[in-house]
Amino acid sequence: MISQWMRKVNGGNQSNWMGLELKYPERQKSLLHIAKIRIGAYWTAQRMANARIIDGAYKSECPFCKMKTPETVEHILLDCGRWTA
């Protein structure tokens, strides 16, 4: 879903993300999270459970809203009641 949106808005690698860090230094941590999401390096609970870093129950359950759905980037941004409020 997010990748479809990126294609629609032509948000591939044409944006100057480094320039944003310089322009908004107070947003550096947030921009780092966005960059990790863009390159597929963001560790969700599902990914940590698959790597056996946390309890395996989180392969299919969001640790924040407790929905029986894995915590994915799409879930965090669009569905999770703890993050979308």
Protein backbone atom coordinates (compact mmCIF):
# COMPACT_ATOMS: atom_id res chain seq x y z
CA MET A 1 0.00 0.00 0.00
CA ILE A 2 2.75 2.48 0.92
CA SER A 3 4.85 1.44 -2.07
CA GLN A 4 1.84 2.09 -4.32
CA TRP A 5 1.54 5.57 -2.84
CA MET A 6 5.27 6.20 -3.35
CA ARG A 7 4.94 5.27 -7.04
CA LYS A 8 1.83 7.45 -7.40
CA VAL A 9 3.52 10.56 -6.00
CA ASN A 10 6.79 9.71 -7.74
CA GLY A 11 8.52 9.51 -4.38
CA GLY A 12 11.29 7.15 -5.37
CA ASN A 13 14.83 8.30 -4.77
CA GLN A 14 14.36 11.71 -6.34
CA SER A 15 13.78 13.58 -3.08
CA ASN A 16 16.61 15.28 -1.21
CA TRP A 17 16.24 13.66 2.22
CA MET A 18 19.66 14.83 3.37
CA GLY A 19 18.62 18.41 2.68
CA LEU A 20 15.66 17.96 5.01
CA GLU A 21 18.01 17.07 7.89
CA LEU A 22 19.91 20.29 7.34
CA LYS A 23 16.76 22.37 7.01
CA TYR A 24 15.00 20.80 10.02
CA PRO A 25 17.68 19.60 12.48
CA GLU A 26 15.05 19.23 15.22
CA ARG A 27 13.40 16.53 13.06
CA GLN A 28 16.56 14.47 12.58
CA LYS A 29 15.30 11.47 14.58
CA SER A 30 11.97 11.41 12.74
CA LEU A 31 13.72 11.66 9.38
CA LEU A 32 15.95 8.74 10.37
CA HIS A 33 12.84 6.60 11.01
CA ILE A 34 11.39 7.62 7.65
CA ALA A 35 14.65 6.74 5.92
CA LYS A 36 14.69 3.31 7.59
CA ILE A 37 11.11 2.68 6.49
CA ARG A 38 11.97 3.71 2.92
CA ILE A 39 14.90 1.28 2.64
CA GLY A 40 13.18 -1.59 4.48
CA ALA A 41 15.44 -1.42 7.54
CA TYR A 42 12.78 -0.47 10.12
CA TRP A 43 12.41 -3.14 12.80
CA THR A 44 8.74 -3.76 13.59
CA ALA A 45 7.59 -6.11 16.32
CA GLN A 46 6.78 -8.71 13.66
CA ARG A 47 10.33 -8.55 12.31
CA MET A 48 11.84 -8.73 15.82
CA ALA A 49 9.64 -11.73 16.66
CA ASN A 50 10.70 -13.48 13.46
CA ALA A 51 14.34 -12.87 14.47
CA ARG A 52 13.54 -14.27 17.95
CA ILE A 53 14.51 -11.02 19.65
CA ILE A 54 11.10 -10.72 21.30
CA ASP A 55 8.26 -13.14 22.09
CA GLY A 56 6.92 -15.06 19.09
CA ALA A 57 3.36 -13.95 19.90
CA TYR A 58 4.16 -10.66 18.19
CA LYS A 59 4.45 -12.37 14.81
CA SER A 60 0.68 -12.03 14.59
CA GLU A 61 -0.26 -9.43 17.23
CA CYS A 62 0.44 -5.72 17.50
CA PRO A 63 2.09 -5.03 20.89
CA PHE A 64 0.58 -1.56 21.09
CA CYS A 65 -3.11 -1.92 20.19
CA LYS A 66 -3.28 -5.71 20.83
CA MET A 67 -5.09 -6.32 17.53
CA LYS A 68 -4.63 -9.79 16.10
CA THR A 69 -2.69 -8.40 13.18
CA PRO A 70 1.07 -8.17 12.80
CA GLU A 71 2.74 -4.84 13.47
CA THR A 72 3.78 -3.73 10.00
CA VAL A 73 4.63 -0.25 8.77
CA GLU A 74 1.22 -0.08 7.08
CA HIS A 75 -0.50 -1.08 10.34
CA ILE A 76 1.44 1.52 12.34
CA LEU A 77 0.66 4.33 9.90
CA LEU A 78 -2.92 3.47 8.94
CA ASP A 79 -4.64 1.15 11.41
CA CYS A 80 -3.05 1.05 14.87
CA GLY A 81 -5.23 2.88 17.37
CA ARG A 82 -2.21 3.74 19.51
CA TRP A 83 -0.43 5.58 16.69
CA THR A 84 -3.23 7.03 14.56
CA ALA A 85 -5.02 8.96 17.29
